[in-house]
Amino acid sequence: MDEVPGNTARYRKGLAVRRSVLGDRHVDRAEVGATDFDQPFQELITEAAWGTVWSRPGFSKRERSIVTLALLAALGHDEEVALHLRATANTGATRDDICEAFLHVAIYAGVPAANRAFRIAKDVFSEMDGAENA
């Protein structure tokens, strides 16, 4: 019989890393919102992205966060850019780190992609700063 993903060590490790990076509220929303249709996808990203890649030694969460933001910005995945910008509160990536990453995006992936990423970052940081001061 196939092992249920929620029972594997990699899934449990991935869930813990996912929560530490994205926060309990985000992960809880994703779990509550999962349906029979997308549950396999939730299990896949928890095991593969979080339980395998984000759990590897070699890069810190800060470094993984910076690389992830650059890749997402380069590929134009705006919602994921915003999500991972918010996660920097948990990963230790600074705004200076993010600026440097987006400057690389401008050169290697194009100015429009970086321009969009900087705009998203300004909006997200404004939102985050407002929540801190509330």
N, C-alpha and C. Protein backbone atom coordinates (compact mmCIF):
# COMPACT_ATOMS: atom_id res chain seq x y z
N MET A 1 0.84 -1.18 0.00
CA MET A 1 0.00 0.00 0.00
C MET A 1 0.89 1.24 0.00
N ASP A 2 0.50 2.27 -0.75
CA ASP A 2 1.27 3.51 -0.82
C ASP A 2 1.26 4.23 0.51
N GLU A 3 2.39 4.83 0.82
CA GLU A 3 2.49 5.60 2.06
C GLU A 3 1.75 6.93 1.89
N VAL A 4 1.00 7.32 2.87
CA VAL A 4 0.29 8.59 2.84
C VAL A 4 1.32 9.70 3.03
N PRO A 5 1.40 10.71 2.11
CA PRO A 5 2.43 11.74 2.19
C PRO A 5 2.52 12.42 3.55
N GLY A 6 1.40 12.66 4.21
CA GLY A 6 1.42 13.33 5.50
C GLY A 6 2.12 12.53 6.58
N ASN A 7 2.39 11.25 6.29
CA ASN A 7 3.05 10.38 7.27
C ASN A 7 4.54 10.21 6.99
N THR A 8 5.05 10.74 5.89
CA THR A 8 6.46 10.56 5.58
C THR A 8 7.30 11.58 6.34
N ALA A 9 8.52 11.20 6.63
CA ALA A 9 9.45 12.10 7.33
C ALA A 9 9.71 13.35 6.48
N ARG A 10 9.85 13.16 5.17
CA ARG A 10 10.13 14.30 4.28
C ARG A 10 8.95 15.28 4.27
N TYR A 11 7.74 14.76 4.28
CA TYR A 11 6.56 15.63 4.32
C TYR A 11 6.51 16.41 5.63
N ARG A 12 6.72 15.71 6.73
CA ARG A 12 6.69 16.38 8.05
C ARG A 12 7.78 17.44 8.15
N LYS A 13 8.97 17.12 7.67
CA LYS A 13 10.07 18.10 7.67
C LYS A 13 9.71 19.28 6.77
N GLY A 14 9.17 18.98 5.59
CA GLY A 14 8.77 20.02 4.66
C GLY A 14 7.71 20.94 5.24
N LEU A 15 6.76 20.35 5.93
CA LEU A 15 5.70 21.15 6.55
C LEU A 15 6.28 22.09 7.60
N ALA A 16 7.22 21.60 8.38
CA ALA A 16 7.85 22.44 9.40
C ALA A 16 8.64 23.58 8.76
N VAL A 17 9.38 23.30 7.71
CA VAL A 17 10.15 24.34 7.02
C VAL A 17 9.21 25.33 6.34
N ARG A 18 8.18 24.82 5.69
CA ARG A 18 7.19 25.68 5.03
C ARG A 18 6.56 26.64 6.04
N ARG A 19 6.20 26.13 7.20
CA ARG A 19 5.62 26.98 8.24
C ARG A 19 6.63 28.00 8.74
N SER A 20 7.90 27.61 8.89
CA SER A 20 8.90 28.54 9.41
C SER A 20 9.20 29.67 8.43
N VAL A 21 9.03 29.41 7.15
CA VAL A 21 9.31 30.42 6.13
C VAL A 21 8.07 31.24 5.81
N LEU A 22 6.97 30.59 5.51
CA LEU A 22 5.77 31.29 5.05
C LEU A 22 4.82 31.68 6.18
N GLY A 23 4.98 31.05 7.33
CA GLY A 23 4.13 31.36 8.47
C GLY A 23 2.95 30.41 8.57
N ASP A 24 2.50 30.22 9.81
CA ASP A 24 1.39 29.32 10.07
C ASP A 24 0.11 29.75 9.36
N ARG A 25 -0.17 31.06 9.36
CA ARG A 25 -1.42 31.53 8.75
C ARG A 25 -1.51 31.14 7.28
N HIS A 26 -0.43 31.35 6.54
CA HIS A 26 -0.44 31.00 5.11
C HIS A 26 -0.63 29.51 4.92
N VAL A 27 0.14 28.71 5.65
CA VAL A 27 0.07 27.26 5.49
C VAL A 27 -1.30 26.74 5.93
N ASP A 28 -1.81 27.26 7.02
CA ASP A 28 -3.15 26.85 7.46
C ASP A 28 -4.19 27.16 6.40
N ARG A 29 -4.12 28.35 5.79
CA ARG A 29 -5.06 28.71 4.71
C ARG A 29 -4.95 27.74 3.54
N ALA A 30 -3.72 27.40 3.17
CA ALA A 30 -3.51 26.47 2.06
C ALA A 30 -4.08 25.10 2.40
N GLU A 31 -3.88 24.64 3.63
CA GLU A 31 -4.38 23.32 4.02
C GLU A 31 -5.90 23.31 4.08
N VAL A 32 -6.50 24.34 4.65
CA VAL A 32 -7.96 24.41 4.75
C VAL A 32 -8.59 24.54 3.37
N GLY A 33 -7.93 25.28 2.49
CA GLY A 33 -8.46 25.52 1.16
C GLY A 33 -8.23 24.38 0.18
N ALA A 34 -7.43 23.40 0.55
CA ALA A 34 -7.14 22.29 -0.36
C ALA A 34 -8.39 21.45 -0.59
N THR A 35 -8.53 21.02 -1.82
CA THR A 35 -9.64 20.14 -2.21
C THR A 35 -9.05 18.82 -2.69
N ASP A 36 -9.92 17.88 -2.98
CA ASP A 36 -9.45 16.61 -3.54
C ASP A 36 -8.65 16.86 -4.82
N PHE A 37 -9.03 17.89 -5.55
CA PHE A 37 -8.37 18.21 -6.81
C PHE A 37 -6.93 18.67 -6.61
N ASP A 38 -6.69 19.59 -5.67
CA ASP A 38 -5.34 20.14 -5.53
C ASP A 38 -4.54 19.61 -4.33
N GLN A 39 -5.12 18.71 -3.55
CA GLN A 39 -4.39 18.13 -2.43
C GLN A 39 -3.08 17.46 -2.87
N PRO A 40 -3.09 16.71 -3.98
CA PRO A 40 -1.82 16.12 -4.42
C PRO A 40 -0.75 17.18 -4.71
N PHE A 41 -1.15 18.34 -5.21
CA PHE A 41 -0.21 19.43 -5.46
C PHE A 41 0.34 19.98 -4.16
N GLN A 42 -0.52 20.17 -3.17
CA GLN A 42 -0.06 20.64 -1.86
C GLN A 42 0.95 19.67 -1.25
N GLU A 43 0.69 18.39 -1.39
CA GLU A 43 1.61 17.37 -0.88
C GLU A 43 2.93 17.41 -1.64
N LEU A 44 2.86 17.58 -2.96
CA LEU A 44 4.06 17.65 -3.79
C LEU A 44 4.95 18.82 -3.38
N ILE A 45 4.37 20.02 -3.27
CA ILE A 45 5.22 21.16 -2.94
C ILE A 45 5.75 21.08 -1.51
N THR A 46 4.96 20.50 -0.62
CA THR A 46 5.44 20.36 0.76
C THR A 46 6.62 19.40 0.81
N GLU A 47 6.53 18.29 0.11
CA GLU A 47 7.63 17.32 0.12
C GLU A 47 8.80 17.78 -0.74
N ALA A 48 8.54 18.19 -1.97
CA ALA A 48 9.63 18.48 -2.91
C ALA A 48 10.30 19.83 -2.64
N ALA A 49 9.49 20.89 -2.62
CA ALA A 49 10.08 22.22 -2.44
C ALA A 49 10.60 22.40 -1.02
N TRP A 50 9.75 22.10 -0.05
CA TRP A 50 10.09 22.41 1.34
C TRP A 50 10.83 21.28 2.03
N GLY A 51 10.45 20.03 1.79
CA GLY A 51 11.07 18.90 2.46
C GLY A 51 12.37 18.45 1.82
N THR A 52 12.57 18.82 0.55
CA THR A 52 13.80 18.43 -0.14
C THR A 52 14.70 19.65 -0.38
N VAL A 53 14.25 20.60 -1.20
CA VAL A 53 15.13 21.71 -1.59
C VAL A 53 15.38 22.68 -0.45
N TRP A 54 14.34 23.21 0.18
CA TRP A 54 14.53 24.19 1.25
C TRP A 54 15.17 23.56 2.49
N SER A 55 15.17 22.26 2.60
CA SER A 55 15.74 21.57 3.76
C SER A 55 17.19 21.15 3.56
N ARG A 56 17.72 21.36 2.37
CA ARG A 56 19.09 20.94 2.09
C ARG A 56 20.09 21.80 2.86
N PRO A 57 21.24 21.21 3.21
CA PRO A 57 22.31 22.02 3.80
C PRO A 57 23.00 22.82 2.69
N GLY A 58 23.76 23.78 3.06
CA GLY A 58 24.54 24.52 2.06
C GLY A 58 24.10 25.96 1.91
N PHE A 59 22.81 26.19 1.77
CA PHE A 59 22.26 27.54 1.71
C PHE A 59 21.46 27.78 2.98
N SER A 60 21.57 28.96 3.51
CA SER A 60 20.72 29.36 4.64
C SER A 60 19.33 29.71 4.10
N LYS A 61 18.38 29.87 5.00
CA LYS A 61 17.05 30.32 4.58
C LYS A 61 17.14 31.69 3.92
N ARG A 62 18.01 32.54 4.42
CA ARG A 62 18.22 33.87 3.84
C ARG A 62 18.67 33.74 2.38
N GLU A 63 19.67 32.90 2.15
CA GLU A 63 20.18 32.73 0.79
C GLU A 63 19.14 32.11 -0.13
N ARG A 64 18.42 31.12 0.36
CA ARG A 64 17.36 30.51 -0.46
C ARG A 64 16.27 31.53 -0.78
N SER A 65 15.97 32.37 0.18
CA SER A 65 14.96 33.40 -0.02
C SER A 65 15.37 34.36 -1.13
N ILE A 66 16.62 34.79 -1.12
CA ILE A 66 17.13 35.72 -2.13
C ILE A 66 17.08 35.08 -3.52
N VAL A 67 17.56 33.85 -3.62
CA VAL A 67 17.55 33.14 -4.91
C VAL A 67 16.12 32.95 -5.40
N THR A 68 15.23 32.56 -4.50
CA THR A 68 13.83 32.34 -4.86
C THR A 68 13.20 33.62 -5.39
N LEU A 69 13.43 34.73 -4.70
CA LEU A 69 12.87 36.00 -5.14
C LEU A 69 13.39 36.39 -6.52
N ALA A 70 14.67 36.22 -6.76
CA ALA A 70 15.24 36.55 -8.07
C ALA A 70 14.61 35.70 -9.16
N LEU A 71 14.48 34.40 -8.91
CA LEU A 71 13.89 33.51 -9.91
C LEU A 71 12.43 33.85 -10.18
N LEU A 72 11.68 34.05 -9.12
CA LEU A 72 10.25 34.36 -9.30
C LEU A 72 10.06 35.68 -10.03
N ALA A 73 10.90 36.67 -9.70
CA ALA A 73 10.81 37.96 -10.38
C ALA A 73 11.17 37.81 -11.86
N ALA A 74 12.23 37.07 -12.13
CA ALA A 74 12.66 36.87 -13.52
C ALA A 74 11.59 36.17 -14.35
N LEU A 75 10.86 35.27 -13.71
CA LEU A 75 9.83 34.52 -14.42
C LEU A 75 8.47 35.22 -14.43
N GLY A 76 8.37 36.35 -13.72
CA GLY A 76 7.13 37.11 -13.73
C GLY A 76 6.02 36.53 -12.88
N HIS A 77 6.36 35.80 -11.85
CA HIS A 77 5.36 35.19 -10.97
C HIS A 77 5.03 36.14 -9.82
N ASP A 78 4.23 37.14 -10.14
CA ASP A 78 3.99 38.26 -9.24
C ASP A 78 3.41 37.86 -7.88
N GLU A 79 2.42 36.99 -7.86
CA GLU A 79 1.82 36.58 -6.58
C GLU A 79 2.83 35.87 -5.70
N GLU A 80 3.66 35.05 -6.30
CA GLU A 80 4.69 34.34 -5.54
C GLU A 80 5.79 35.30 -5.08
N VAL A 81 6.10 36.32 -5.90
CA VAL A 81 7.07 37.34 -5.47
C VAL A 81 6.55 37.99 -4.20
N ALA A 82 5.30 38.40 -4.20
CA ALA A 82 4.71 39.06 -3.02
C ALA A 82 4.73 38.12 -1.81
N LEU A 83 4.36 36.87 -2.01
CA LEU A 83 4.37 35.89 -0.92
C LEU A 83 5.77 35.75 -0.32
N HIS A 84 6.76 35.61 -1.17
CA HIS A 84 8.12 35.40 -0.68
C HIS A 84 8.75 36.70 -0.15
N LEU A 85 8.28 37.84 -0.60
CA LEU A 85 8.72 39.10 0.03
C LEU A 85 8.23 39.15 1.48
N ARG A 86 6.98 38.78 1.69
CA ARG A 86 6.45 38.74 3.07
C ARG A 86 7.23 37.74 3.92
N ALA A 87 7.66 36.65 3.31
CA ALA A 87 8.38 35.61 4.04
C ALA A 87 9.76 36.07 4.49
N THR A 88 10.28 37.15 3.90
CA THR A 88 11.61 37.61 4.32
C THR A 88 11.62 38.02 5.79
N ALA A 89 10.45 38.31 6.36
CA ALA A 89 10.38 38.60 7.79
C ALA A 89 10.81 37.37 8.60
N ASN A 90 10.72 36.18 7.99
CA ASN A 90 11.09 34.93 8.66
C ASN A 90 12.42 34.36 8.19
N THR A 91 12.93 34.82 7.05
CA THR A 91 14.14 34.21 6.49
C THR A 91 15.40 35.01 6.76
N GLY A 92 15.25 36.28 7.10
CA GLY A 92 16.42 37.11 7.35
C GLY A 92 16.94 37.84 6.13
N ALA A 93 16.34 37.64 4.97
CA ALA A 93 16.75 38.41 3.79
C ALA A 93 16.34 39.86 4.01
N THR A 94 17.30 40.77 3.82
CA THR A 94 17.05 42.19 4.06
C THR A 94 16.55 42.87 2.79
N ARG A 95 16.10 44.07 2.96
CA ARG A 95 15.67 44.85 1.79
C ARG A 95 16.85 45.17 0.89
N ASP A 96 18.03 45.35 1.48
CA ASP A 96 19.23 45.54 0.66
C ASP A 96 19.53 44.28 -0.15
N ASP A 97 19.38 43.10 0.46
CA ASP A 97 19.57 41.84 -0.26
C ASP A 97 18.62 41.76 -1.45
N ILE A 98 17.38 42.13 -1.21
CA ILE A 98 16.36 42.03 -2.25
C ILE A 98 16.63 43.01 -3.38
N CYS A 99 17.03 44.22 -3.02
CA CYS A 99 17.40 45.21 -4.04
C CYS A 99 18.51 44.66 -4.93
N GLU A 100 19.53 44.09 -4.32
CA GLU A 100 20.64 43.52 -5.10
C GLU A 100 20.15 42.40 -6.01
N ALA A 101 19.28 41.54 -5.48
CA ALA A 101 18.76 40.44 -6.29
C ALA A 101 17.97 40.98 -7.49
N PHE A 102 17.15 41.99 -7.26
CA PHE A 102 16.35 42.54 -8.35
C PHE A 102 17.20 43.31 -9.35
N LEU A 103 18.32 43.90 -8.93
CA LEU A 103 19.25 44.50 -9.88
C LEU A 103 19.83 43.43 -10.80
N HIS A 104 20.13 42.26 -10.24
CA HIS A 104 20.59 41.14 -11.07
C HIS A 104 19.50 40.72 -12.05
N VAL A 105 18.26 40.71 -11.58
CA VAL A 105 17.14 40.38 -12.47
C VAL A 105 17.12 41.34 -13.65
N ALA A 106 17.32 42.63 -13.38
CA ALA A 106 17.29 43.63 -14.45
C ALA A 106 18.31 43.31 -15.54
N ILE A 107 19.51 42.92 -15.13
CA ILE A 107 20.57 42.65 -16.11
C ILE A 107 20.38 41.32 -16.81
N TYR A 108 20.04 40.29 -16.05
CA TYR A 108 20.02 38.95 -16.62
C TYR A 108 18.66 38.49 -17.13
N ALA A 109 17.58 39.12 -16.68
CA ALA A 109 16.25 38.70 -17.12
C ALA A 109 15.45 39.83 -17.75
N GLY A 110 15.93 41.06 -17.61
CA GLY A 110 15.27 42.19 -18.26
C GLY A 110 14.75 43.24 -17.30
N VAL A 111 14.86 44.47 -17.75
CA VAL A 111 14.41 45.61 -16.96
C VAL A 111 12.92 45.55 -16.65
N PRO A 112 12.05 45.16 -17.58
CA PRO A 112 10.62 45.10 -17.22
C PRO A 112 10.34 44.13 -16.06
N ALA A 113 11.01 43.00 -16.03
CA ALA A 113 10.79 42.04 -14.93
C ALA A 113 11.24 42.65 -13.60
N ALA A 114 12.39 43.31 -13.61
CA ALA A 114 12.88 43.94 -12.38
C ALA A 114 12.01 45.11 -11.98
N ASN A 115 11.56 45.89 -12.93
CA ASN A 115 10.70 47.03 -12.64
C ASN A 115 9.42 46.57 -11.94
N ARG A 116 8.84 45.50 -12.45
CA ARG A 116 7.64 44.92 -11.85
C ARG A 116 7.94 44.41 -10.44
N ALA A 117 9.08 43.74 -10.26
CA ALA A 117 9.46 43.21 -8.95
C ALA A 117 9.69 44.33 -7.94
N PHE A 118 10.34 45.40 -8.36
CA PHE A 118 10.56 46.54 -7.45
C PHE A 118 9.22 47.16 -7.05
N ARG A 119 8.30 47.28 -8.01
CA ARG A 119 6.98 47.84 -7.70
C ARG A 119 6.24 46.97 -6.69
N ILE A 120 6.26 45.66 -6.90
CA ILE A 120 5.61 44.74 -5.97
C ILE A 120 6.26 44.86 -4.59
N ALA A 121 7.58 44.91 -4.55
CA ALA A 121 8.30 45.01 -3.28
C ALA A 121 7.92 46.29 -2.54
N LYS A 122 7.85 47.40 -3.24
CA LYS A 122 7.47 48.66 -2.58
C LYS A 122 6.08 48.54 -1.97
N ASP A 123 5.14 47.92 -2.68
CA ASP A 123 3.78 47.74 -2.16
C ASP A 123 3.78 46.82 -0.94
N VAL A 124 4.48 45.70 -1.05
CA VAL A 124 4.51 44.73 0.05
C VAL A 124 5.21 45.33 1.27
N PHE A 125 6.33 46.02 1.07
CA PHE A 125 7.04 46.62 2.20
C PHE A 125 6.21 47.70 2.86
N SER A 126 5.47 48.45 2.08
CA SER A 126 4.58 49.46 2.64
C SER A 126 3.52 48.80 3.51
N GLU A 127 2.95 47.70 3.01
CA GLU A 127 1.95 46.92 3.75
C GLU A 127 2.57 46.37 5.05
N MET A 128 3.77 45.81 4.94
CA MET A 128 4.44 45.25 6.11
C MET A 128 4.77 46.32 7.15
N ASP A 129 5.23 47.48 6.67
CA ASP A 129 5.56 48.57 7.57
C ASP A 129 4.31 49.09 8.27
N GLY A 130 3.20 49.13 7.56
CA GLY A 130 1.94 49.57 8.14
C GLY A 130 1.46 48.61 9.21
N ALA A 131 1.65 47.31 8.98
CA ALA A 131 1.24 46.31 9.97
C ALA A 131 2.10 46.40 11.21
N GLU A 132 3.38 46.72 11.06
CA GLU A 132 4.28 46.88 12.20
C GLU A 132 3.87 48.06 13.07
N ASN A 133 3.41 49.11 12.41
CA ASN A 133 3.08 50.35 13.12
C ASN A 133 1.64 50.40 13.60
N ALA A 134 0.88 49.36 13.30
CA ALA A 134 -0.55 49.35 13.70
C ALA A 134 -0.72 48.92 15.14
